[in-house]
Amino acid sequence: MSKTNAGRFFEDYAVGQVIDHAVPRTVSGGERALYHALYPARHALYSSDKFAQDSGLPKSPMDDLIAFHTVFGKTVPDVSLNAVANLGYAEGRFLKPVYEGDTLRSRSEVIGTKQNSNGKTGVVYVRTQGLNQNDEVVMEYVRWVMVRKRDVDAAVPDAVVPDLKKVLGVEDLVIPEGLDFSNYDFTLAGETHRWDDYQVGEKIDHVDGVTIEEAEHMMATRLWQNTAKVHFDATFREDGKRLIYGGHVISMARALSFNGLANAQMIVGINGGAHANPCFAGDTVKCWTEVLDKTETNAPGVGALRLRLVATKGGTPFALKGEDGKYDPNVLLDLDYWVLIPR
């Protein structure tokens, strides 16, 4: 009997299956330091205990995407080790801040499967929860991934595609307990733009860019204990290239969006997301944002913006899709998410 793990293939998944993922992880200042070294992340709430305390929190939480990547990474050996690509996200909610010393683990439920027409791959839908050491759910999200079949002739069940929300309502958003932007320090935050200054339909070119390097993206992917073969093994793809982890692009774009959205401090929801085209080493990531919606919240001085964050590897700013409805070939990421911002 083999002692090694070849990973699950498409025919190994069944709707209703629950997977408790291995290797809990206690996060520390090390993750924060490496995250801020790998990405140009500068949001004040995640950089300063004093700034966070003045905003009603006990101390500076870990960046929201540190929690996301950590929870995501736990799922890879069971969900996407044999993936061709991670396709999209929905119904992502950040339910509790994660602090240094918290221990995170992940649990997923298979909520859908659908074999592709080529018979060689299929799409698996999972709902994943990240839990802390107190068994509190700190975040949850749905993602779907294209996975290889072990045996192209294997029988598969009828397709089940889950009905997912296209947009989280304001009632779905969880505001961290105590968060208060009434005395927000715009000077220390880096920009003066507040909730009232953003208008629905407004587009922002974040102007800055970062060229992706092989060593950095592999270090980042290892940091989250993500073991997907496509990110490391150049022989796993026919073109002989390592595919950049999609989360690396998300974090890079989120960090680059600081220029124009420095006060968009906390991510509280992910409505949807697509990795529109593959990213490889040598691509230069830039990004732009469109304001899709805005709403008030019950927290003092806190508003919410619904944003579309688009990461590109070139092309014309604000180009998204062609007349055929397909993504422009330069678009890498299309992410629809909610953030909290001072009013």
C-alpha atoms as a PDB file:
ATOM      1  CA  MET A   1       0.000   0.000   0.000  1.00  0.00           C
ATOM      2  CA  SER A   2       1.397   3.379  -1.009  1.00  0.00           C
ATOM      3  CA  LYS A   3       2.284   5.736   1.822  1.00  0.00           C
ATOM      4  CA  THR A   4       2.212   8.855  -0.362  1.00  0.00           C
ATOM      5  CA  ASN A   5      -0.774  11.028  -1.182  1.00  0.00           C
ATOM      6  CA  ALA A   6      -1.600  11.351  -4.874  1.00  0.00           C
ATOM      7  CA  GLY A   7      -4.470  13.689  -4.086  1.00  0.00           C
ATOM      8  CA  ARG A   8      -8.134  13.382  -4.966  1.00  0.00           C
ATOM      9  CA  PHE A   9      -9.376  13.247  -8.536  1.00  0.00           C
ATOM     10  CA  PHE A  10     -12.738  14.372  -9.852  1.00  0.00           C
ATOM     11  CA  GLU A  11     -14.448  11.007  -9.403  1.00  0.00           C
ATOM     12  CA  ASP A  12     -13.443  10.955  -5.714  1.00  0.00           C
ATOM     13  CA  TYR A  13     -15.829  13.796  -4.815  1.00  0.00           C
ATOM     14  CA  ALA A  14     -19.492  13.448  -3.881  1.00  0.00           C
ATOM     15  CA  VAL A  15     -22.017  16.112  -2.960  1.00  0.00           C
ATOM     16  CA  GLY A  16     -22.442  16.237   0.816  1.00  0.00           C
ATOM     17  CA  GLN A  17     -18.921  14.991   1.514  1.00  0.00           C
ATOM     18  CA  VAL A  18     -17.277  16.868   4.432  1.00  0.00           C
ATOM     19  CA  ILE A  19     -13.495  17.115   4.626  1.00  0.00           C
ATOM     20  CA  ASP A  20     -11.607  18.191   7.751  1.00  0.00           C
ATOM     21  CA  HIS A  21      -8.288  19.415   6.405  1.00  0.00           C
ATOM     22  CA  ALA A  22      -4.976  18.575   8.042  1.00  0.00           C
ATOM     23  CA  VAL A  23      -2.337  20.742   9.725  1.00  0.00           C
ATOM     24  CA  PRO A  24      -3.789  23.580  11.842  1.00  0.00           C
ATOM     25  CA  ARG A  25      -1.616  26.682  11.853  1.00  0.00           C
ATOM     26  CA  THR A  26      -0.889  29.255  14.538  1.00  0.00           C
ATOM     27  CA  VAL A  27      -0.302  32.620  12.875  1.00  0.00           C
ATOM     28  CA  SER A  28       2.198  35.139  14.192  1.00  0.00           C
ATOM     29  CA  GLY A  29       4.053  38.312  13.386  1.00  0.00           C
ATOM     30  CA  GLY A  30       6.169  36.232  11.028  1.00  0.00           C
ATOM     31  CA  GLU A  31       3.297  35.837   8.588  1.00  0.00           C
ATOM     32  CA  ARG A  32       2.572  39.555   8.784  1.00  0.00           C
ATOM     33  CA  ALA A  33       6.208  40.512   8.139  1.00  0.00           C
ATOM     34  CA  LEU A  34       6.527  38.163   5.174  1.00  0.00           C
ATOM     35  CA  TYR A  35       3.178  39.272   3.764  1.00  0.00           C
ATOM     36  CA  HIS A  36       4.221  42.916   3.885  1.00  0.00           C
ATOM     37  CA  ALA A  37       7.561  42.005   2.303  1.00  0.00           C
ATOM     38  CA  LEU A  38       5.978  40.055  -0.555  1.00  0.00           C
ATOM     39  CA  TYR A  39       3.263  42.618  -1.311  1.00  0.00           C
ATOM     40  CA  PRO A  40       3.236  46.430  -1.068  1.00  0.00           C
ATOM     41  CA  ALA A  41       0.616  46.188   1.713  1.00  0.00           C
ATOM     42  CA  ARG A  42       0.306  49.426   3.693  1.00  0.00           C
ATOM     43  CA  HIS A  43      -3.185  49.698   5.168  1.00  0.00           C
ATOM     44  CA  ALA A  44      -2.797  51.337   8.567  1.00  0.00           C
ATOM     45  CA  LEU A  45      -5.229  49.110  10.452  1.00  0.00           C
ATOM     46  CA  TYR A  46      -3.009  46.085   9.716  1.00  0.00           C
ATOM     47  CA  SER A  47       0.244  47.912  10.367  1.00  0.00           C
ATOM     48  CA  SER A  48      -0.257  49.654  13.724  1.00  0.00           C
ATOM     49  CA  ASP A  49      -1.644  48.442  17.044  1.00  0.00           C
ATOM     50  CA  LYS A  50      -2.241  52.053  18.079  1.00  0.00           C
ATOM     51  CA  PHE A  51      -4.191  52.849  14.914  1.00  0.00           C
ATOM     52  CA  ALA A  52      -6.302  49.713  15.399  1.00  0.00           C
ATOM     53  CA  GLN A  53      -6.937  50.533  19.070  1.00  0.00           C
ATOM     54  CA  ASP A  54      -7.996  54.059  18.121  1.00  0.00           C
ATOM     55  CA  SER A  55     -10.452  52.362  15.735  1.00  0.00           C
ATOM     56  CA  GLY A  56     -12.020  50.306  18.527  1.00  0.00           C
ATOM     57  CA  LEU A  57     -10.133  47.023  18.099  1.00  0.00           C
ATOM     58  CA  PRO A  58      -7.970  45.417  20.811  1.00  0.00           C
ATOM     59  CA  LYS A  59      -4.890  45.464  18.553  1.00  0.00           C
ATOM     60  CA  SER A  60      -3.924  45.276  14.910  1.00  0.00           C
ATOM     61  CA  PRO A  61      -5.487  42.197  13.282  1.00  0.00           C
ATOM     62  CA  MET A  62      -3.793  40.100  10.648  1.00  0.00           C
ATOM     63  CA  ASP A  63      -4.492  41.232   7.087  1.00  0.00           C
ATOM     64  CA  ASP A  64      -7.775  39.701   5.946  1.00  0.00           C
ATOM     65  CA  LEU A  65      -6.029  37.985   3.063  1.00  0.00           C
ATOM     66  CA  ILE A  66      -3.504  36.350   5.417  1.00  0.00           C
ATOM     67  CA  ALA A  67      -6.464  34.581   6.991  1.00  0.00           C
ATOM     68  CA  PHE A  68      -7.881  33.775   3.549  1.00  0.00           C
ATOM     69  CA  HIS A  69      -4.619  32.319   2.218  1.00  0.00           C
ATOM     70  CA  THR A  70      -4.006  30.306   5.382  1.00  0.00           C
ATOM     71  CA  VAL A  71      -7.488  28.777   5.311  1.00  0.00           C
ATOM     72  CA  PHE A  72      -7.272  28.242   1.548  1.00  0.00           C
ATOM     73  CA  GLY A  73      -3.844  26.595   1.766  1.00  0.00           C
ATOM     74  CA  LYS A  74      -5.126  23.952   4.196  1.00  0.00           C
ATOM     75  CA  THR A  75      -7.682  22.824   1.590  1.00  0.00           C
ATOM     76  CA  VAL A  76      -5.315  22.331  -1.337  1.00  0.00           C
ATOM     77  CA  PRO A  77      -4.125  18.745  -0.629  1.00  0.00           C
ATOM     78  CA  ASP A  78      -7.763  17.610  -0.462  1.00  0.00           C
ATOM     79  CA  VAL A  79      -9.442  19.864  -3.021  1.00  0.00           C
ATOM     80  CA  SER A  80      -7.054  21.130  -5.663  1.00  0.00           C
ATOM     81  CA  LEU A  81      -3.825  19.114  -5.577  1.00  0.00           C
ATOM     82  CA  ASN A  82      -4.700  17.794  -9.043  1.00  0.00           C
ATOM     83  CA  ALA A  83      -6.368  20.967 -10.224  1.00  0.00           C
ATOM     84  CA  VAL A  84      -6.034  22.393 -13.685  1.00  0.00           C
ATOM     85  CA  ALA A  85      -7.188  25.795 -12.441  1.00  0.00           C
ATOM     86  CA  ASN A  86      -9.036  27.518  -9.622  1.00  0.00           C
ATOM     87  CA  LEU A  87     -12.025  29.051 -11.382  1.00  0.00           C
ATOM     88  CA  GLY A  88     -13.948  31.326  -9.059  1.00  0.00           C
ATOM     89  CA  TYR A  89     -15.287  32.419  -5.676  1.00  0.00           C
ATOM     90  CA  ALA A  90     -18.633  33.402  -4.168  1.00  0.00           C
ATOM     91  CA  GLU A  91     -20.337  34.053  -0.831  1.00  0.00           C
ATOM     92  CA  GLY A  92     -17.088  34.905   0.936  1.00  0.00           C
ATOM     93  CA  ARG A  93     -17.596  36.380   4.403  1.00  0.00           C
ATOM     94  CA  PHE A  94     -15.015  37.515   6.951  1.00  0.00           C
ATOM     95  CA  LEU A  95     -16.746  36.870  10.268  1.00  0.00           C
ATOM     96  CA  LYS A  96     -14.128  37.596  12.953  1.00  0.00           C
ATOM     97  CA  PRO A  97     -10.743  39.327  12.877  1.00  0.00           C
ATOM     98  CA  VAL A  98      -7.741  37.022  13.175  1.00  0.00           C
ATOM     99  CA  TYR A  99      -4.991  38.058  15.576  1.00  0.00           C
ATOM    100  CA  GLU A 100      -1.433  36.932  16.212  1.00  0.00           C
ATOM    101  CA  GLY A 101      -1.548  33.721  18.237  1.00  0.00           C
ATOM    102  CA  ASP A 102      -4.799  32.457  16.727  1.00  0.00           C
ATOM    103  CA  THR A 103      -4.735  28.902  15.392  1.00  0.00           C
ATOM    104  CA  LEU A 104      -6.601  28.344  12.138  1.00  0.00           C
ATOM    105  CA  ARG A 105      -7.905  25.151  10.588  1.00  0.00           C
ATOM    106  CA  SER A 106     -10.179  24.457   7.642  1.00  0.00           C
ATOM    107  CA  ARG A 107     -13.232  22.359   6.874  1.00  0.00           C
ATOM    108  CA  SER A 108     -14.916  21.979   3.472  1.00  0.00           C
ATOM    109  CA  GLU A 109     -18.182  20.534   2.229  1.00  0.00           C
ATOM    110  CA  VAL A 110     -18.623  19.459  -1.386  1.00  0.00           C
ATOM    111  CA  ILE A 111     -21.735  21.265  -2.625  1.00  0.00           C
ATOM    112  CA  GLY A 112     -21.560  20.526  -6.352  1.00  0.00           C
ATOM    113  CA  THR A 113     -19.842  18.506  -9.091  1.00  0.00           C
ATOM    114  CA  LYS A 114     -20.084  18.694 -12.875  1.00  0.00           C
ATOM    115  CA  GLN A 115     -18.034  16.737 -15.395  1.00  0.00           C
ATOM    116  CA  ASN A 116     -16.728  18.749 -18.346  1.00  0.00           C
ATOM    117  CA  SER A 117     -17.676  17.842 -21.898  1.00  0.00           C
ATOM    118  CA  ASN A 118     -14.167  16.539 -22.673  1.00  0.00           C
ATOM    119  CA  GLY A 119     -14.626  13.770 -20.106  1.00  0.00           C
ATOM    120  CA  LYS A 120     -11.096  14.351 -18.803  1.00  0.00           C
ATOM    121  CA  THR A 121     -11.853  16.916 -16.097  1.00  0.00           C
ATOM    122  CA  GLY A 122     -14.688  18.174 -13.965  1.00  0.00           C
ATOM    123  CA  VAL A 123     -15.605  21.116 -11.775  1.00  0.00           C
ATOM    124  CA  VAL A 124     -15.889  20.642  -8.010  1.00  0.00           C
ATOM    125  CA  TYR A 125     -17.691  23.214  -5.829  1.00  0.00           C
ATOM    126  CA  VAL A 126     -16.787  23.415  -2.131  1.00  0.00           C
ATOM    127  CA  ARG A 127     -17.883  25.598   0.757  1.00  0.00           C
ATOM    128  CA  THR A 128     -14.943  26.121   3.098  1.00  0.00           C
ATOM    129  CA  GLN A 129     -14.927  27.412   6.663  1.00  0.00           C
ATOM    130  CA  GLY A 130     -11.907  28.652   8.567  1.00  0.00           C
ATOM    131  CA  LEU A 131     -12.126  28.039  12.318  1.00  0.00           C
ATOM    132  CA  ASN A 132      -9.993  29.324  15.169  1.00  0.00           C
ATOM    133  CA  GLN A 133      -8.793  27.590  18.335  1.00  0.00           C
ATOM    134  CA  ASN A 134     -12.192  28.221  19.958  1.00  0.00           C
ATOM    135  CA  ASP A 135     -14.034  26.531  17.065  1.00  0.00           C
ATOM    136  CA  GLU A 136     -15.388  29.927  16.004  1.00  0.00           C
ATOM    137  CA  VAL A 137     -15.838  30.381  12.264  1.00  0.00           C
ATOM    138  CA  VAL A 138     -13.624  33.314  11.285  1.00  0.00           C
ATOM    139  CA  MET A 139     -14.359  33.177   7.562  1.00  0.00           C
ATOM    140  CA  GLU A 140     -16.175  31.155   4.920  1.00  0.00           C
ATOM    141  CA  TYR A 141     -16.322  31.094   1.146  1.00  0.00           C
ATOM    142  CA  VAL A 142     -17.347  28.996  -1.839  1.00  0.00           C
ATOM    143  CA  ARG A 143     -14.900  28.209  -4.592  1.00  0.00           C
ATOM    144  CA  TRP A 144     -14.970  25.997  -7.643  1.00  0.00           C
ATOM    145  CA  VAL A 145     -12.007  24.291  -9.197  1.00  0.00           C
ATOM    146  CA  MET A 146     -11.357  22.255 -12.339  1.00  0.00           C
ATOM    147  CA  VAL A 147      -9.884  18.877 -11.369  1.00  0.00           C
ATOM    148  CA  ARG A 148      -8.434  16.081 -13.489  1.00  0.00           C
ATOM    149  CA  LYS A 149     -10.080  12.661 -13.623  1.00  0.00           C
ATOM    150  CA  ARG A 150      -8.019   9.641 -12.645  1.00  0.00           C
ATOM    151  CA  ASP A 151      -9.863   7.451 -15.164  1.00  0.00           C
ATOM    152  CA  VAL A 152     -11.574   9.128 -18.119  1.00  0.00           C
ATOM    153  CA  ASP A 153     -13.934   6.143 -18.361  1.00  0.00           C
ATOM    154  CA  ALA A 154     -15.030   6.324 -14.728  1.00  0.00           C
ATOM    155  CA  ALA A 155     -18.764   6.802 -14.200  1.00  0.00           C
ATOM    156  CA  VAL A 156     -19.785  10.065 -12.556  1.00  0.00           C
ATOM    157  CA  PRO A 157     -23.054  11.148 -10.918  1.00  0.00           C
ATOM    158  CA  ASP A 158     -25.454  13.631 -12.466  1.00  0.00           C
ATOM    159  CA  ALA A 159     -24.257  17.220 -12.387  1.00  0.00           C
ATOM    160  CA  VAL A 160     -25.131  19.351  -9.358  1.00  0.00           C
ATOM    161  CA  VAL A 161     -24.401  23.069  -9.689  1.00  0.00           C
ATOM    162  CA  PRO A 162     -25.154  25.069  -6.521  1.00  0.00           C
ATOM    163  CA  ASP A 163     -27.341  28.159  -6.615  1.00  0.00           C
ATOM    164  CA  LEU A 164     -25.110  30.875  -5.173  1.00  0.00           C
ATOM    165  CA  LYS A 165     -25.781  34.487  -4.285  1.00  0.00           C
ATOM    166  CA  LYS A 166     -24.488  36.899  -6.898  1.00  0.00           C
ATOM    167  CA  VAL A 167     -24.068  39.644  -4.301  1.00  0.00           C
ATOM    168  CA  LEU A 168     -23.953  39.631  -0.504  1.00  0.00           C
ATOM    169  CA  GLY A 169     -26.474  42.002   1.030  1.00  0.00           C
ATOM    170  CA  VAL A 170     -25.500  44.463   3.723  1.00  0.00           C
ATOM    171  CA  GLU A 171     -27.292  42.154   6.176  1.00  0.00           C
ATOM    172  CA  ASP A 172     -24.745  39.448   5.299  1.00  0.00           C
ATOM    173  CA  LEU A 173     -21.766  41.621   6.232  1.00  0.00           C
ATOM    174  CA  VAL A 174     -20.328  41.216   9.727  1.00  0.00           C
ATOM    175  CA  ILE A 175     -18.765  44.345  11.230  1.00  0.00           C
ATOM    176  CA  PRO A 176     -16.019  43.525  13.763  1.00  0.00           C
ATOM    177  CA  GLU A 177     -17.167  44.104  17.324  1.00  0.00           C
ATOM    178  CA  GLY A 178     -16.152  47.539  18.568  1.00  0.00           C
ATOM    179  CA  LEU A 179     -15.064  48.944  15.197  1.00  0.00           C
ATOM    180  CA  ASP A 180     -15.442  52.726  15.335  1.00  0.00           C
ATOM    181  CA  PHE A 181     -14.075  55.161  12.746  1.00  0.00           C
ATOM    182  CA  SER A 182     -15.495  58.275  14.467  1.00  0.00           C
ATOM    183  CA  ASN A 183     -11.992  59.517  15.354  1.00  0.00           C
ATOM    184  CA  TYR A 184     -10.245  58.130  12.284  1.00  0.00           C
ATOM    185  CA  ASP A 185      -6.845  59.702  11.577  1.00  0.00           C
ATOM    186  CA  PHE A 186      -6.719  60.335   7.825  1.00  0.00           C
ATOM    187  CA  THR A 187      -3.180  61.714   8.011  1.00  0.00           C
ATOM    188  CA  LEU A 188      -1.794  58.511   9.481  1.00  0.00           C
ATOM    189  CA  ALA A 189      -3.900  56.411   7.108  1.00  0.00           C
ATOM    190  CA  GLY A 190      -2.266  58.046   4.095  1.00  0.00           C
ATOM    191  CA  GLU A 191      -5.208  59.576   2.181  1.00  0.00           C
ATOM    192  CA  THR A 192      -8.111  61.915   2.866  1.00  0.00           C
ATOM    193  CA  HIS A 193     -10.730  60.126   0.727  1.00  0.00           C
ATOM    194  CA  ARG A 194     -13.700  58.872   2.744  1.00  0.00           C
ATOM    195  CA  TRP A 195     -16.952  57.015   1.981  1.00  0.00           C
ATOM    196  CA  ASP A 196     -18.728  60.161   0.797  1.00  0.00           C
ATOM    197  CA  ASP A 197     -15.981  60.886  -1.745  1.00  0.00           C
ATOM    198  CA  TYR A 198     -16.611  57.711  -3.769  1.00  0.00           C
ATOM    199  CA  GLN A 199     -19.454  57.562  -6.275  1.00  0.00           C
ATOM    200  CA  VAL A 200     -21.123  54.521  -7.813  1.00  0.00           C
ATOM    201  CA  GLY A 201     -19.738  54.069 -11.325  1.00  0.00           C
ATOM    202  CA  GLU A 202     -16.451  55.804 -10.520  1.00  0.00           C
ATOM    203  CA  LYS A 203     -13.325  54.094 -11.857  1.00  0.00           C
ATOM    204  CA  ILE A 204      -9.850  54.417 -10.354  1.00  0.00           C
ATOM    205  CA  ASP A 205      -6.597  53.578 -12.135  1.00  0.00           C
ATOM    206  CA  HIS A 206      -4.188  52.611  -9.353  1.00  0.00           C
ATOM    207  CA  VAL A 207      -1.232  53.354 -11.702  1.00  0.00           C
ATOM    208  CA  ASP A 208       1.440  51.298  -9.895  1.00  0.00           C
ATOM    209  CA  GLY A 209       2.627  47.883 -11.071  1.00  0.00           C
ATOM    210  CA  VAL A 210       4.748  44.942  -9.929  1.00  0.00           C
ATOM    211  CA  THR A 211       6.485  42.401 -12.172  1.00  0.00           C
ATOM    212  CA  ILE A 212       5.951  38.871 -10.864  1.00  0.00           C
ATOM    213  CA  GLU A 213       9.079  36.818 -10.155  1.00  0.00           C
ATOM    214  CA  GLU A 214       9.334  33.017  -9.926  1.00  0.00           C
ATOM    215  CA  ALA A 215      11.088  32.986  -6.553  1.00  0.00           C
ATOM    216  CA  GLU A 216       8.669  35.416  -4.901  1.00  0.00           C
ATOM    217  CA  HIS A 217       5.516  33.673  -6.064  1.00  0.00           C
ATOM    218  CA  MET A 218       6.801  30.256  -4.975  1.00  0.00           C
ATOM    219  CA  MET A 219       7.839  31.653  -1.585  1.00  0.00           C
ATOM    220  CA  ALA A 220       4.393  33.199  -1.162  1.00  0.00           C
ATOM    221  CA  THR A 221       2.627  29.992  -2.164  1.00  0.00           C
ATOM    222  CA  ARG A 222       4.769  27.941   0.235  1.00  0.00           C
ATOM    223  CA  LEU A 223       4.073  30.486   2.981  1.00  0.00           C
ATOM    224  CA  TRP A 224       0.416  29.439   2.855  1.00  0.00           C
ATOM    225  CA  GLN A 225       1.365  25.733   2.661  1.00  0.00           C
ATOM    226  CA  ASN A 226      -0.361  25.549  -0.713  1.00  0.00           C
ATOM    227  CA  THR A 227       0.879  22.362  -2.396  1.00  0.00           C
ATOM    228  CA  ALA A 228      -0.907  22.549  -5.775  1.00  0.00           C
ATOM    229  CA  LYS A 229       1.427  21.017  -8.353  1.00  0.00           C
ATOM    230  CA  VAL A 230       0.747  23.612 -11.061  1.00  0.00           C
ATOM    231  CA  HIS A 231       2.465  26.295  -8.957  1.00  0.00           C
ATOM    232  CA  PHE A 232       5.765  24.451  -8.501  1.00  0.00           C
ATOM    233  CA  ASP A 233       6.267  21.654 -11.028  1.00  0.00           C
ATOM    234  CA  ALA A 234       7.056  23.029 -14.489  1.00  0.00           C
ATOM    235  CA  THR A 235       6.449  19.579 -16.011  1.00  0.00           C
ATOM    236  CA  PHE A 236       2.842  19.529 -14.808  1.00  0.00           C
ATOM    237  CA  ARG A 237       1.663  21.802 -17.631  1.00  0.00           C
ATOM    238  CA  GLU A 238       2.092  21.181 -21.348  1.00  0.00           C
ATOM    239  CA  ASP A 239       3.604  24.654 -21.824  1.00  0.00           C
ATOM    240  CA  GLY A 240       6.286  23.951 -19.192  1.00  0.00           C
ATOM    241  CA  LYS A 241       5.343  26.995 -17.103  1.00  0.00           C
ATOM    242  CA  ARG A 242       4.543  27.314 -13.424  1.00  0.00           C
ATOM    243  CA  LEU A 243       1.110  28.854 -12.942  1.00  0.00           C
ATOM    244  CA  ILE A 244       1.060  31.764 -10.490  1.00  0.00           C
ATOM    245  CA  TYR A 245      -1.211  31.059  -7.511  1.00  0.00           C
ATOM    246  CA  GLY A 246      -4.364  33.115  -8.038  1.00  0.00           C
ATOM    247  CA  GLY A 247      -4.279  34.316  -4.445  1.00  0.00           C
ATOM    248  CA  HIS A 248      -0.879  35.866  -5.145  1.00  0.00           C
ATOM    249  CA  VAL A 249      -2.530  38.015  -7.811  1.00  0.00           C
ATOM    250  CA  ILE A 250      -5.390  38.909  -5.444  1.00  0.00           C
ATOM    251  CA  SER A 251      -3.013  40.084  -2.715  1.00  0.00           C
ATOM    252  CA  MET A 252      -0.827  41.973  -5.169  1.00  0.00           C
ATOM    253  CA  ALA A 253      -3.820  43.794  -6.647  1.00  0.00           C
ATOM    254  CA  ARG A 254      -5.322  44.550  -3.228  1.00  0.00           C
ATOM    255  CA  ALA A 255      -2.003  46.024  -2.085  1.00  0.00           C
ATOM    256  CA  LEU A 256      -1.585  48.070  -5.276  1.00  0.00           C
ATOM    257  CA  SER A 257      -5.101  49.467  -4.826  1.00  0.00           C
ATOM    258  CA  PHE A 258      -3.847  51.333  -1.743  1.00  0.00           C
ATOM    259  CA  ASN A 259      -3.065  54.194  -4.131  1.00  0.00           C
ATOM    260  CA  GLY A 260      -6.596  55.570  -4.345  1.00  0.00           C
ATOM    261  CA  LEU A 261      -8.182  53.328  -1.700  1.00  0.00           C
ATOM    262  CA  ALA A 262      -5.879  53.711   1.306  1.00  0.00           C
ATOM    263  CA  ASN A 263      -8.875  54.016   3.621  1.00  0.00           C
ATOM    264  CA  ALA A 264     -10.610  50.854   2.373  1.00  0.00           C
ATOM    265  CA  GLN A 265      -9.329  49.208   5.520  1.00  0.00           C
ATOM    266  CA  MET A 266     -11.128  45.886   5.977  1.00  0.00           C
ATOM    267  CA  ILE A 267     -12.465  43.287   3.555  1.00  0.00           C
ATOM    268  CA  VAL A 268     -15.768  41.920   4.870  1.00  0.00           C
ATOM    269  CA  GLY A 269     -17.213  40.112   1.864  1.00  0.00           C
ATOM    270  CA  ILE A 270     -16.360  38.511  -1.470  1.00  0.00           C
ATOM    271  CA  ASN A 271     -19.337  38.516  -3.822  1.00  0.00           C
ATOM    272  CA  GLY A 272     -17.605  36.780  -6.676  1.00  0.00           C
ATOM    273  CA  GLY A 273     -14.300  36.391  -8.392  1.00  0.00           C
ATOM    274  CA  ALA A 274     -12.753  34.925 -11.497  1.00  0.00           C
ATOM    275  CA  HIS A 275      -9.176  34.233 -12.507  1.00  0.00           C
ATOM    276  CA  ALA A 276      -9.878  35.359 -16.049  1.00  0.00           C
ATOM    277  CA  ASN A 277      -6.528  34.439 -17.619  1.00  0.00           C
ATOM    278  CA  PRO A 278      -3.421  32.678 -16.304  1.00  0.00           C
ATOM    279  CA  CYS A 279      -0.571  34.645 -14.781  1.00  0.00           C
ATOM    280  CA  PHE A 280       3.071  33.644 -15.225  1.00  0.00           C
ATOM    281  CA  ALA A 281       6.431  34.921 -14.022  1.00  0.00           C
ATOM    282  CA  GLY A 282       7.444  37.995 -15.984  1.00  0.00           C
ATOM    283  CA  ASP A 283       3.912  39.404 -16.149  1.00  0.00           C
ATOM    284  CA  THR A 284       3.575  42.909 -14.704  1.00  0.00           C
ATOM    285  CA  VAL A 285       0.458  43.196 -12.562  1.00  0.00           C
ATOM    286  CA  LYS A 286      -1.441  46.476 -12.517  1.00  0.00           C
ATOM    287  CA  CYS A 287      -4.999  47.090 -11.411  1.00  0.00           C
ATOM    288  CA  TRP A 288      -8.028  49.327 -11.493  1.00  0.00           C
ATOM    289  CA  THR A 289     -11.215  49.568  -9.457  1.00  0.00           C
ATOM    290  CA  GLU A 290     -14.841  50.358 -10.213  1.00  0.00           C
ATOM    291  CA  VAL A 291     -17.198  51.424  -7.413  1.00  0.00           C
ATOM    292  CA  LEU A 292     -20.273  49.201  -7.786  1.00  0.00           C
ATOM    293  CA  ASP A 293     -22.322  50.168  -4.732  1.00  0.00           C
ATOM    294  CA  LYS A 294     -22.126  51.851  -1.338  1.00  0.00           C
ATOM    295  CA  THR A 295     -24.117  51.515   1.854  1.00  0.00           C
ATOM    296  CA  GLU A 296     -24.175  52.771   5.411  1.00  0.00           C
ATOM    297  CA  THR A 297     -23.569  50.467   8.374  1.00  0.00           C
ATOM    298  CA  ASN A 298     -24.621  50.583  12.025  1.00  0.00           C
ATOM    299  CA  ALA A 299     -21.023  50.948  13.228  1.00  0.00           C
ATOM    300  CA  PRO A 300     -19.980  54.494  14.233  1.00  0.00           C
ATOM    301  CA  GLY A 301     -18.297  56.327  11.375  1.00  0.00           C
ATOM    302  CA  VAL A 302     -18.157  53.196   9.204  1.00  0.00           C
ATOM    303  CA  GLY A 303     -19.458  52.872   5.651  1.00  0.00           C
ATOM    304  CA  ALA A 304     -19.183  50.025   3.154  1.00  0.00           C
ATOM    305  CA  LEU A 305     -18.165  50.108  -0.492  1.00  0.00           C
ATOM    306  CA  ARG A 306     -18.765  47.354  -3.008  1.00  0.00           C
ATOM    307  CA  LEU A 307     -15.790  47.366  -5.361  1.00  0.00           C
ATOM    308  CA  ARG A 308     -14.753  45.579  -8.525  1.00  0.00           C
ATOM    309  CA  LEU A 309     -10.989  45.041  -8.468  1.00  0.00           C
ATOM    310  CA  VAL A 310      -9.517  44.131 -11.850  1.00  0.00           C
ATOM    311  CA  ALA A 311      -5.891  43.011 -12.163  1.00  0.00           C
ATOM    312  CA  THR A 312      -4.258  43.127 -15.583  1.00  0.00           C
ATOM    313  CA  LYS A 313      -0.946  42.318 -17.235  1.00  0.00           C
ATOM    314  CA  GLY A 314      -1.081  45.210 -19.689  1.00  0.00           C
ATOM    315  CA  GLY A 315      -3.549  46.570 -22.178  1.00  0.00           C
ATOM    316  CA  THR A 316      -5.779  49.612 -21.909  1.00  0.00           C
ATOM    317  CA  PRO A 317      -6.883  50.782 -18.441  1.00  0.00           C
ATOM    318  CA  PHE A 318     -10.517  49.896 -17.691  1.00  0.00           C
ATOM    319  CA  ALA A 319     -10.724  47.307 -20.508  1.00  0.00           C
ATOM    320  CA  LEU A 320     -12.580  44.257 -19.195  1.00  0.00           C
ATOM    321  CA  LYS A 321     -14.501  42.267 -21.805  1.00  0.00           C
ATOM    322  CA  GLY A 322     -14.864  42.287 -25.568  1.00  0.00           C
ATOM    323  CA  GLU A 323     -18.051  42.451 -27.607  1.00  0.00           C
ATOM    324  CA  ASP A 324     -18.216  38.655 -27.447  1.00  0.00           C
ATOM    325  CA  GLY A 325     -18.530  38.844 -23.649  1.00  0.00           C
ATOM    326  CA  LYS A 326     -15.167  37.174 -23.096  1.00  0.00           C
ATOM    327  CA  TYR A 327     -12.525  38.688 -20.863  1.00  0.00           C
ATOM    328  CA  ASP A 328      -9.832  40.787 -22.479  1.00  0.00           C
ATOM    329  CA  PRO A 329      -6.714  38.556 -22.735  1.00  0.00           C
ATOM    330  CA  ASN A 330      -4.806  40.974 -20.488  1.00  0.00           C
ATOM    331  CA  VAL A 331      -7.262  40.638 -17.588  1.00  0.00           C
ATOM    332  CA  LEU A 332      -5.955  38.338 -14.850  1.00  0.00           C
ATOM    333  CA  LEU A 333      -8.479  38.849 -12.057  1.00  0.00           C
ATOM    334  CA  ASP A 334     -12.023  40.154 -11.722  1.00  0.00           C
ATOM    335  CA  LEU A 335     -12.923  40.376  -8.018  1.00  0.00           C
ATOM    336  CA  ASP A 336     -16.181  41.772  -6.605  1.00  0.00           C
ATOM    337  CA  TYR A 337     -15.867  42.505  -2.875  1.00  0.00           C
ATOM    338  CA  TRP A 338     -17.063  44.629   0.058  1.00  0.00           C
ATOM    339  CA  VAL A 339     -14.767  46.813   2.172  1.00  0.00           C
ATOM    340  CA  LEU A 340     -15.232  48.985   5.254  1.00  0.00           C
ATOM    341  CA  ILE A 341     -14.173  52.625   5.001  1.00  0.00           C
ATOM    342  CA  PRO A 342     -14.547  55.706   7.240  1.00  0.00           C
ATOM    343  CA  ARG A 343     -17.478  58.001   6.533  1.00  0.00           C
END
